[in-house]
Amino acid sequence: MNPRQLEKLGVPPLCVPAALQAIHAAAKLDLLRSLDIKKSIRAVVEDPDAHVDDGVFGSLARELIDHGAVWTPQSVEFRTWGAAGIDEASVRQMQEACSLPQAVAGALMPDAHVGYGLPIGGVLALRNAVVPYAVGVDIACRMKLSVLDVPPALFDQEKQQSRFDAALENGTRFGVGGEYRKPLEHAVMDQDWTVSRVTRENRDKAWRQLGTSGSGNHFAEFGVLTLEHDDAELGLAAGTYTAFLTHSGSRGTGAAVCSVFSGIARNQLPRKYESVGRLAWLDLDTQEGREYWDSMNLMGDYAAANHDCIHRNVSNLLGAEIIAGVENHHNFAWKETHGGEELIVHRKGATPAAAGELGVIPGSMADPAFIVRGKGNAESLNSASHGAGRQMSRTAAREKFTWRSTQKDLEKKGVRVLSAGADEVPGVYKNILDVMREQRDLVDVVGRFDPRVVKMCGDGSKAED
């Protein structure tokens, strides 16, 4: 066979010499009569990984893997909720993610907007593989709502305002480098932090940042929770309650885990897949895949502990007891069974919503958050949105809005914001009520939380959802 004939079979030009060597090896072994050479070479081109140990075609298979055999991405189908409010760039990102060779299913939530690799609001199910950037930079970013035993009427008593303000100001710390000189105590720091080099090397940093809230769209706020009906699972009767709501994740250590393992994934990709970029994956049956999985789960425990410390600090400073609560991750990957098959389900900026599962979906500093109970919709892979979703970039927001004027407008509406940036004002987000209407087949609303006192990072530093 000549080079032109080999290229017609799909052999890339760079791999033609290896194909000719394979044919020569077959001739030396007197196999040309018994082999259908064209069929054999075509099979190697289509699936080189299956032929790396072949005595005749193994070198060609390895060459194809190293130099990039032709890969034609084909997206698995995925359903979109709230399509009218989602930009084309987010849809393209979702299509690219659903084109990964291990992709089985996907879904796009109504709060979707562009992220790194997988869009925020993207749900992606893979076979035996995990994508660090489909989990996200802020691994296990999380919502936690605690119901407190103090009456909501205190919000309207001027003498009580300083009490709420002081609890927020002193109960956590904001900013990229926010930390405590004297680290807080929590059992999570006694877990095994040697599961990977990056977690081992960042343990002390993680300990100093335990109980802090970070930057970007992370917040801590008091508000009024309204339940229209008794809820046995929450243990609460219908009525209004004072509640405390937080949004933050695994801080600097989670970002380091994502960065390190995404770099490893990209370095290990066969050349034919190099175009996937930040969607690079790790197989879970490799050492690196197992180390990332263990590190991600440690970050999940750490993020939960982080919220636990914040809620404990703030409630103590307020002089209140926690009587009920709800919490959930929304940047994570889970091993779940769908369609009778175990899959790795990534929810990047998406809330788990299996049948009966409780979660929290926030709006903005001026708009309500909702306690929800999942309906277990199979098409969404048991998922819902993680919030309202941005409709404006941070740069555009800073050009359009001024923080001080927004703060004054919110005060008139009964919302006191202690600190925040112009890139987090209500106008940068989609209407949460519209988003909730788009996902009525995904969740039922259990309760509504209306913000009254809010604190966010005020230095304009950025964090991914």
Protein backbone atom coordinates (compact mmCIF):
# COMPACT_ATOMS: atom_id res chain seq x y z
CA MET A 1 0.00 0.00 0.00
CA ASN A 2 1.19 3.51 -0.73
CA PRO A 3 0.87 6.63 1.49
CA ARG A 4 -2.12 7.97 -0.44
CA GLN A 5 -4.04 4.74 0.07
CA LEU A 6 -3.22 4.79 3.78
CA GLU A 7 -4.41 8.39 4.14
CA LYS A 8 -7.70 7.39 2.50
CA LEU A 9 -8.08 4.80 5.27
CA GLY A 10 -7.82 7.65 7.80
CA VAL A 11 -4.12 7.41 8.68
CA PRO A 12 -2.80 10.94 9.37
CA PRO A 13 0.28 11.88 7.25
CA LEU A 14 2.53 11.89 10.32
CA CYS A 15 1.54 8.31 11.08
CA VAL A 16 1.98 6.90 7.56
CA PRO A 17 5.58 5.67 8.23
CA ALA A 18 4.33 3.68 11.23
CA ALA A 19 1.57 2.16 9.10
CA LEU A 20 4.10 1.13 6.44
CA GLN A 21 6.29 -0.42 9.14
CA ALA A 22 3.27 -2.40 10.41
CA ILE A 23 2.62 -3.73 6.90
CA HIS A 24 6.31 -4.63 6.59
CA ALA A 25 6.15 -6.44 9.96
CA ALA A 26 3.08 -8.37 8.80
CA ALA A 27 4.95 -9.37 5.63
CA LYS A 28 7.96 -10.63 7.62
CA LEU A 29 5.65 -12.74 9.75
CA ASP A 30 3.98 -14.03 6.58
CA LEU A 31 0.60 -12.68 7.69
CA LEU A 32 -0.38 -10.76 4.56
CA ARG A 33 -2.37 -13.69 3.19
CA SER A 34 -4.37 -14.22 6.38
CA LEU A 35 -4.94 -10.54 7.23
CA ASP A 36 -7.28 -8.09 5.58
CA ILE A 37 -4.76 -5.22 5.78
CA LYS A 38 -7.22 -2.49 4.85
CA LYS A 39 -9.76 -3.66 7.41
CA SER A 40 -7.08 -4.05 10.08
CA ILE A 41 -5.62 -0.58 9.58
CA ARG A 42 -9.08 1.00 9.54
CA ALA A 43 -9.87 -0.71 12.86
CA VAL A 44 -6.65 0.62 14.42
CA VAL A 45 -7.42 4.16 13.20
CA GLU A 46 -10.94 4.03 14.64
CA ASP A 47 -9.87 2.74 18.05
CA PRO A 48 -6.08 2.86 18.58
CA ASP A 49 -6.42 2.37 22.34
CA ALA A 50 -7.70 -1.17 21.73
CA HIS A 51 -4.62 -2.15 19.70
CA VAL A 52 -1.65 -0.79 21.68
CA ASP A 53 -0.60 -4.32 22.70
CA ASP A 54 -0.99 -5.83 19.23
CA GLY A 55 2.25 -7.48 18.03
CA VAL A 56 1.85 -6.13 14.49
CA PHE A 57 -0.15 -2.92 14.78
CA GLY A 58 0.78 -1.83 18.32
CA SER A 59 3.40 0.69 17.15
CA LEU A 60 0.89 2.25 14.73
CA ALA A 61 -1.72 2.44 17.48
CA ARG A 62 0.70 4.19 19.83
CA GLU A 63 1.75 6.57 17.07
CA LEU A 64 -1.88 7.44 16.36
CA ILE A 65 -2.47 8.14 20.05
CA ASP A 66 0.70 10.24 20.37
CA HIS A 67 0.27 12.22 17.17
CA GLY A 68 -3.47 12.52 17.08
CA ALA A 69 -5.73 10.27 15.12
CA VAL A 70 -8.77 11.94 13.67
CA TRP A 71 -11.42 12.65 16.32
CA THR A 72 -14.83 13.86 15.24
CA PRO A 73 -16.74 15.12 18.30
CA GLN A 74 -20.40 14.13 18.44
CA SER A 75 -22.58 15.65 21.13
CA VAL A 76 -25.01 13.51 23.11
CA GLU A 77 -28.43 15.05 23.43
CA PHE A 78 -29.21 17.31 26.37
CA ARG A 79 -32.30 19.25 27.39
CA THR A 80 -32.25 22.95 28.22
CA TRP A 81 -34.53 24.68 30.73
CA GLY A 82 -35.25 28.38 30.19
CA ALA A 83 -33.63 28.41 26.73
CA ALA A 84 -34.90 31.91 25.91
CA GLY A 85 -32.77 33.40 28.66
CA ILE A 86 -29.53 31.53 27.87
CA ASP A 87 -26.85 32.97 25.56
CA GLU A 88 -25.45 31.03 22.60
CA ALA A 89 -21.95 30.83 24.08
CA SER A 90 -23.26 28.83 27.05
CA VAL A 91 -25.11 26.44 24.74
CA ARG A 92 -21.94 25.94 22.69
CA GLN A 93 -19.98 25.19 25.85
CA MET A 94 -22.58 22.60 26.82
CA GLN A 95 -22.45 21.02 23.37
CA GLU A 96 -18.66 20.77 23.59
CA ALA A 97 -18.88 19.16 27.02
CA CYS A 98 -21.46 16.65 25.76
CA SER A 99 -19.06 15.75 22.94
CA LEU A 100 -16.44 14.25 25.26
CA PRO A 101 -15.84 10.58 24.41
CA GLN A 102 -17.14 9.44 27.83
CA ALA A 103 -20.28 11.62 27.72
CA VAL A 104 -23.59 9.84 28.30
CA ALA A 105 -26.03 12.65 29.12
CA GLY A 106 -26.28 16.32 30.04
CA ALA A 107 -28.68 19.08 31.01
CA LEU A 108 -28.58 22.88 31.07
CA MET A 109 -30.31 24.76 33.87
CA PRO A 110 -32.24 28.06 33.47
CA ASP A 111 -29.58 30.12 35.29
CA ALA A 112 -26.89 29.05 32.80
CA HIS A 113 -24.09 31.39 31.78
CA VAL A 114 -20.56 31.00 30.45
CA GLY A 115 -17.98 29.41 32.74
CA TYR A 116 -14.61 27.71 32.38
CA GLY A 117 -15.04 24.51 30.34
CA LEU A 118 -18.54 23.54 31.43
CA PRO A 119 -20.99 26.45 31.65
CA ILE A 120 -22.30 27.50 35.05
CA GLY A 121 -25.63 25.69 35.28
CA GLY A 122 -24.31 22.71 33.33
CA VAL A 123 -24.90 19.09 34.34
CA LEU A 124 -22.71 16.45 32.70
CA ALA A 125 -22.72 12.67 33.14
CA LEU A 126 -19.60 10.72 32.11
CA ARG A 127 -18.55 7.08 32.24
CA ASN A 128 -15.71 6.49 34.72
CA ALA A 129 -14.11 9.91 34.22
CA VAL A 130 -14.07 13.23 36.04
CA VAL A 131 -13.35 16.69 34.61
CA PRO A 132 -11.84 19.05 37.23
CA TYR A 133 -13.15 22.17 35.48
CA ALA A 134 -16.62 20.61 35.16
CA VAL A 135 -16.62 20.47 38.96
CA GLY A 136 -15.29 24.01 39.11
CA VAL A 137 -12.57 26.16 40.63
CA ASP A 138 -14.46 26.55 43.89
CA ILE A 139 -14.92 22.85 44.62
CA ALA A 140 -18.03 22.12 46.70
CA CYS A 141 -19.27 25.71 46.61
CA ARG A 142 -22.22 25.41 48.91
CA MET A 143 -25.43 26.94 50.26
CA LYS A 144 -26.38 26.67 53.92
CA LEU A 145 -29.48 28.11 55.59
CA SER A 146 -30.00 28.01 59.35
CA VAL A 147 -33.31 28.88 61.01
CA LEU A 148 -32.78 30.82 64.25
CA ASP A 149 -34.88 31.17 67.39
CA VAL A 150 -35.02 34.99 67.37
CA PRO A 151 -38.19 36.77 66.13
CA PRO A 152 -38.16 38.44 62.68
CA ALA A 153 -39.66 41.56 64.27
CA LEU A 154 -36.14 42.45 65.48
CA PHE A 155 -35.17 43.48 61.96
CA ASP A 156 -37.48 46.50 62.23
CA GLN A 157 -36.21 47.62 65.63
CA GLU A 158 -33.53 50.25 65.14
CA LYS A 159 -31.80 49.38 68.41
CA GLN A 160 -31.32 45.80 67.22
CA GLN A 161 -29.65 46.64 63.90
CA SER A 162 -26.16 46.83 65.38
CA ARG A 163 -26.66 43.36 66.82
CA PHE A 164 -27.19 41.83 63.37
CA ASP A 165 -24.44 43.95 61.81
CA ALA A 166 -21.87 42.96 64.41
CA ALA A 167 -22.66 39.26 64.01
CA LEU A 168 -22.00 39.47 60.26
CA GLU A 169 -18.94 41.70 60.54
CA ASN A 170 -17.27 39.54 63.18
CA GLY A 171 -18.61 36.07 62.44
CA THR A 172 -16.71 35.51 59.18
CA ARG A 173 -14.12 37.17 56.97
CA PHE A 174 -14.32 38.11 53.31
CA GLY A 175 -11.71 38.58 50.59
CA VAL A 176 -9.36 36.38 48.56
CA GLY A 177 -6.77 36.27 51.33
CA GLY A 178 -9.21 36.28 54.23
CA GLU A 179 -8.03 34.08 57.11
CA TYR A 180 -7.77 33.83 60.89
CA ARG A 181 -4.47 34.30 62.72
CA LYS A 182 -5.67 31.75 65.25
CA PRO A 183 -7.27 28.94 63.22
CA LEU A 184 -10.73 27.73 64.20
CA GLU A 185 -11.25 24.21 65.50
CA HIS A 186 -13.16 21.61 63.50
CA ALA A 187 -12.92 17.83 63.10
CA VAL A 188 -12.37 18.21 59.33
CA MET A 189 -8.77 19.19 60.01
CA ASP A 190 -8.21 15.74 61.59
CA GLN A 191 -9.14 13.97 58.36
CA ASP A 192 -6.50 12.57 55.99
CA TRP A 193 -5.05 15.55 54.13
CA THR A 194 -2.35 13.38 52.53
CA VAL A 195 -4.70 12.06 49.84
CA SER A 196 -2.75 14.18 47.34
CA ARG A 197 0.30 16.39 47.34
CA VAL A 198 -1.74 19.56 46.79
CA THR A 199 -4.03 18.91 49.77
CA ARG A 200 -1.08 17.99 51.98
CA GLU A 201 0.82 21.16 51.06
CA ASN A 202 -2.24 23.40 51.49
CA ARG A 203 -3.53 21.99 54.78
CA ASP A 204 -2.21 24.85 56.92
CA LYS A 205 -3.61 27.43 54.53
CA ALA A 206 -6.97 25.66 54.54
CA TRP A 207 -6.98 25.67 58.34
CA ARG A 208 -6.32 29.42 58.49
CA GLN A 209 -9.15 30.01 55.99
CA LEU A 210 -11.63 27.78 57.80
CA GLY A 211 -14.68 29.91 58.65
CA THR A 212 -14.07 32.53 55.94
CA SER A 213 -16.29 33.48 53.02
CA GLY A 214 -14.05 34.46 50.11
CA SER A 215 -15.00 36.91 47.37
CA GLY A 216 -17.03 37.30 44.19
CA ASN A 217 -20.64 36.18 44.60
CA HIS A 218 -20.13 34.67 48.06
CA PHE A 219 -22.26 36.18 50.81
CA ALA A 220 -23.58 35.94 54.35
CA GLU A 221 -27.00 37.41 55.09
CA PHE A 222 -29.86 37.50 57.55
CA GLY A 223 -33.43 37.48 56.35
CA VAL A 224 -37.01 36.40 56.89
CA LEU A 225 -37.98 32.84 56.01
CA THR A 226 -41.65 32.27 55.19
CA LEU A 227 -43.22 28.81 55.17
CA GLU A 228 -46.73 28.59 53.77
CA HIS A 229 -47.23 25.07 55.13
CA ASP A 230 -45.98 22.91 57.99
CA ASP A 231 -42.91 20.89 57.01
CA ALA A 232 -42.24 17.72 58.95
CA GLU A 233 -38.76 17.18 57.53
CA LEU A 234 -37.66 20.65 58.63
CA GLY A 235 -39.59 20.29 61.86
CA LEU A 236 -41.17 23.71 61.38
CA ALA A 237 -44.75 24.92 61.40
CA ALA A 238 -46.09 27.37 58.84
CA GLY A 239 -45.09 30.94 59.65
CA THR A 240 -42.20 33.40 59.50
CA TYR A 241 -38.72 32.89 60.97
CA THR A 242 -35.38 34.64 61.22
CA ALA A 243 -32.83 32.77 59.12
CA PHE A 244 -29.16 33.03 58.24
CA LEU A 245 -27.97 32.13 54.72
CA THR A 246 -24.42 31.69 53.41
CA HIS A 247 -22.78 30.96 50.06
CA SER A 248 -19.11 29.95 49.90
CA GLY A 249 -16.92 26.94 49.20
CA SER A 250 -13.49 25.41 49.66
CA ARG A 251 -11.53 28.65 49.39
CA GLY A 252 -7.92 28.74 48.14
CA THR A 253 -7.23 25.06 48.66
CA GLY A 254 -10.15 24.03 46.46
CA ALA A 255 -8.89 26.34 43.72
CA ALA A 256 -5.41 24.81 44.02
CA VAL A 257 -6.82 21.28 43.71
CA CYS A 258 -8.69 22.25 40.53
CA SER A 259 -5.66 23.96 39.00
CA VAL A 260 -3.19 21.16 39.74
CA PHE A 261 -5.36 18.27 38.60
CA SER A 262 -6.70 20.08 35.53
CA GLY A 263 -3.08 20.66 34.52
CA ILE A 264 -2.34 16.97 34.95
CA ALA A 265 -5.41 16.06 32.91
CA ARG A 266 -4.40 18.37 30.06
CA ASN A 267 -0.84 17.07 30.03
CA GLN A 268 -2.05 13.48 29.80
CA LEU A 269 -4.54 14.04 26.96
CA PRO A 270 -3.73 12.28 23.67
CA ARG A 271 -3.04 14.88 21.01
CA LYS A 272 -6.23 14.13 19.15
CA TYR A 273 -8.20 15.46 22.14
CA GLU A 274 -6.11 18.57 22.82
CA SER A 275 -8.90 20.81 21.54
CA VAL A 276 -11.06 20.02 24.60
CA GLY A 277 -8.90 22.40 26.66
CA ARG A 278 -10.36 22.92 30.12
CA LEU A 279 -12.65 19.93 29.61
CA ALA A 280 -9.66 17.61 30.01
CA TRP A 281 -10.59 14.57 32.10
CA LEU A 282 -9.03 12.04 34.43
CA ASP A 283 -9.98 8.37 34.24
CA LEU A 284 -11.03 7.16 37.68
CA ASP A 285 -9.09 3.93 37.34
CA THR A 286 -5.79 5.86 37.21
CA GLN A 287 -3.78 7.02 40.22
CA GLU A 288 -4.28 10.68 39.26
CA GLY A 289 -8.01 10.16 38.86
CA ARG A 290 -8.32 8.52 42.26
CA GLU A 291 -6.22 11.27 43.89
CA TYR A 292 -8.42 13.98 42.40
CA TRP A 293 -11.58 12.14 43.48
CA ASP A 294 -10.32 11.81 47.05
CA SER A 295 -9.16 15.44 47.07
CA MET A 296 -12.51 16.64 45.72
CA ASN A 297 -14.39 14.75 48.42
CA LEU A 298 -12.08 16.15 51.09
CA MET A 299 -12.85 19.63 49.74
CA GLY A 300 -16.54 18.76 50.04
CA ASP A 301 -16.09 17.95 53.72
CA TYR A 302 -13.99 21.09 54.16
CA ALA A 303 -16.60 23.34 52.51
CA ALA A 304 -19.31 21.89 54.77
CA ALA A 305 -17.07 22.50 57.79
CA ASN A 306 -16.41 26.04 56.60
CA HIS A 307 -20.13 26.80 56.64
CA ASP A 308 -20.54 25.03 59.96
CA CYS A 309 -17.93 27.32 61.52
CA ILE A 310 -19.50 30.44 60.03
CA HIS A 311 -23.00 29.53 61.22
CA ARG A 312 -21.73 28.59 64.65
CA ASN A 313 -19.81 31.87 64.99
CA VAL A 314 -22.56 34.11 63.69
CA SER A 315 -25.38 32.53 65.67
CA ASN A 316 -23.30 32.71 68.86
CA LEU A 317 -22.51 36.37 68.27
CA LEU A 318 -26.19 37.07 67.67
CA GLY A 319 -27.11 35.16 70.81
CA ALA A 320 -29.35 32.77 68.86
CA GLU A 321 -29.90 29.02 68.67
CA ILE A 322 -30.15 27.10 65.38
CA ILE A 323 -33.44 25.20 65.30
CA ALA A 324 -33.46 23.85 61.71
CA GLY A 325 -31.40 23.97 58.54
CA VAL A 326 -30.85 23.03 54.89
CA GLU A 327 -27.60 22.84 52.88
CA ASN A 328 -26.19 21.52 49.61
CA HIS A 329 -23.18 21.60 47.27
CA HIS A 330 -23.50 22.91 43.74
CA ASN A 331 -19.92 22.51 42.35
CA PHE A 332 -19.22 18.82 42.70
CA ALA A 333 -19.28 15.38 41.06
CA TRP A 334 -21.22 12.41 42.37
CA LYS A 335 -21.30 8.70 41.55
CA GLU A 336 -24.96 8.10 40.71
CA THR A 337 -27.00 5.50 38.87
CA HIS A 338 -28.97 6.74 35.86
CA GLY A 339 -30.58 4.45 33.31
CA GLY A 340 -29.26 1.46 35.22
CA GLU A 341 -25.62 2.57 34.84
CA GLU A 342 -23.23 4.13 37.36
CA LEU A 343 -22.13 7.52 36.02
CA ILE A 344 -20.06 10.44 37.24
CA VAL A 345 -22.53 13.34 37.39
CA HIS A 346 -20.91 16.79 37.41
CA ARG A 347 -23.07 19.67 38.63
CA LYS A 348 -21.30 22.95 38.04
CA GLY A 349 -23.54 25.63 39.45
CA ALA A 350 -26.44 23.19 39.66
CA THR A 351 -28.35 21.98 42.72
CA PRO A 352 -28.96 18.26 43.39
CA ALA A 353 -32.71 17.68 43.14
CA ALA A 354 -33.43 13.99 43.55
CA ALA A 355 -36.98 13.13 44.60
CA GLY A 356 -37.55 14.51 48.10
CA GLU A 357 -34.08 16.10 48.36
CA LEU A 358 -33.94 19.51 50.05
CA GLY A 359 -31.78 22.35 48.72
CA VAL A 360 -31.41 26.13 48.63
CA ILE A 361 -31.57 28.29 45.48
CA PRO A 362 -30.63 31.96 46.06
CA GLY A 363 -31.58 35.06 44.07
CA SER A 364 -29.62 38.25 44.71
CA MET A 365 -29.12 40.67 47.59
CA ALA A 366 -32.47 42.26 46.74
CA ASP A 367 -34.38 39.16 45.68
CA PRO A 368 -35.59 36.06 47.49
CA ALA A 369 -33.90 32.72 47.91
CA PHE A 370 -35.94 29.52 48.05
CA ILE A 371 -35.83 26.30 50.03
CA VAL A 372 -36.79 23.64 47.49
CA ARG A 373 -37.56 19.94 47.42
CA GLY A 374 -36.46 17.98 44.36
CA LYS A 375 -38.85 16.12 42.07
CA GLY A 376 -36.27 13.69 40.69
CA ASN A 377 -36.63 14.65 37.02
CA ALA A 378 -34.59 12.10 35.04
CA GLU A 379 -34.08 14.44 32.07
CA SER A 380 -32.26 16.93 34.31
CA LEU A 381 -30.24 14.11 35.92
CA ASN A 382 -32.03 15.03 39.17
CA SER A 383 -30.78 18.63 39.07
CA ALA A 384 -32.02 22.23 39.30
CA SER A 385 -30.48 25.70 39.04
CA HIS A 386 -28.08 26.97 41.72
CA GLY A 387 -29.36 30.55 41.64
CA ALA A 388 -30.64 33.26 39.34
CA GLY A 389 -27.57 33.28 37.08
CA ARG A 390 -25.64 36.24 35.74
CA GLN A 391 -26.90 38.15 32.73
CA MET A 392 -24.05 40.68 32.68
CA SER A 393 -20.27 40.42 32.94
CA ARG A 394 -18.45 41.89 35.92
CA THR A 395 -16.73 44.46 33.72
CA ALA A 396 -20.04 45.61 32.20
CA ALA A 397 -21.59 45.77 35.67
CA ARG A 398 -18.86 48.05 37.03
CA GLU A 399 -19.29 50.32 34.01
CA LYS A 400 -23.07 50.54 34.41
CA PHE A 401 -23.65 50.58 38.18
CA THR A 402 -22.24 52.44 41.15
CA TRP A 403 -22.24 50.68 44.47
CA ARG A 404 -23.26 53.63 46.62
CA SER A 405 -26.40 54.46 44.58
CA THR A 406 -27.44 50.79 44.62
CA GLN A 407 -26.90 50.63 48.38
CA LYS A 408 -29.21 53.62 48.89
CA ASP A 409 -31.90 52.08 46.68
CA LEU A 410 -31.75 48.83 48.64
CA GLU A 411 -32.03 50.65 51.96
CA LYS A 412 -35.31 52.14 50.76
CA LYS A 413 -36.53 48.59 50.09
CA GLY A 414 -35.61 47.44 53.58
CA VAL A 415 -32.36 45.65 52.68
CA ARG A 416 -29.23 46.84 54.48
CA VAL A 417 -26.00 45.88 52.68
CA LEU A 418 -22.88 46.23 54.79
CA SER A 419 -20.42 45.72 51.94
CA ALA A 420 -20.39 44.46 48.35
CA GLY A 421 -19.06 45.33 44.90
CA ALA A 422 -20.79 47.00 41.96
CA ASP A 423 -20.36 43.74 40.02
CA GLU A 424 -22.74 41.96 42.41
CA VAL A 425 -25.70 44.38 42.41
CA PRO A 426 -29.16 42.92 41.68
CA GLY A 427 -29.20 44.19 38.08
CA VAL A 428 -26.43 41.81 36.99
CA TYR A 429 -28.63 38.77 37.70
CA LYS A 430 -31.57 37.21 35.92
CA ASN A 431 -34.97 37.49 37.57
CA ILE A 432 -35.05 34.65 40.10
CA LEU A 433 -38.85 34.40 39.85
CA ASP A 434 -38.55 33.76 36.10
CA VAL A 435 -35.86 31.16 36.73
CA MET A 436 -38.02 29.38 39.30
CA ARG A 437 -40.98 29.31 36.88
CA GLU A 438 -38.78 27.66 34.25
CA GLN A 439 -37.98 24.76 36.59
CA ARG A 440 -41.34 23.95 38.12
CA ASP A 441 -40.91 20.38 36.84
CA LEU A 442 -37.61 20.08 38.73
CA VAL A 443 -38.41 21.34 42.24
CA ASP A 444 -41.23 22.32 44.57
CA VAL A 445 -40.84 25.47 46.66
CA VAL A 446 -40.91 24.79 50.40
CA GLY A 447 -40.07 28.24 51.75
CA ARG A 448 -39.06 31.75 50.71
CA PHE A 449 -36.16 33.68 52.23
CA ASP A 450 -36.15 37.48 51.84
CA PRO A 451 -32.80 39.21 52.61
CA ARG A 452 -32.67 41.97 55.23
CA VAL A 453 -28.97 42.36 56.18
CA VAL A 454 -26.28 41.39 53.65
CA LYS A 455 -22.50 41.25 53.61
CA MET A 456 -20.25 40.43 50.66
CA CYS A 457 -16.65 41.11 49.71
CA GLY A 458 -16.31 44.80 48.94
CA ASP A 459 -12.90 44.86 47.22
CA GLY A 460 -14.09 43.87 43.75
CA SER A 461 -12.02 40.67 43.67
CA LYS A 462 -13.34 37.95 41.43
CA ALA A 463 -14.38 34.40 42.20
CA GLU A 464 -15.99 31.81 39.92
CA ASP A 465 -19.49 30.54 40.75
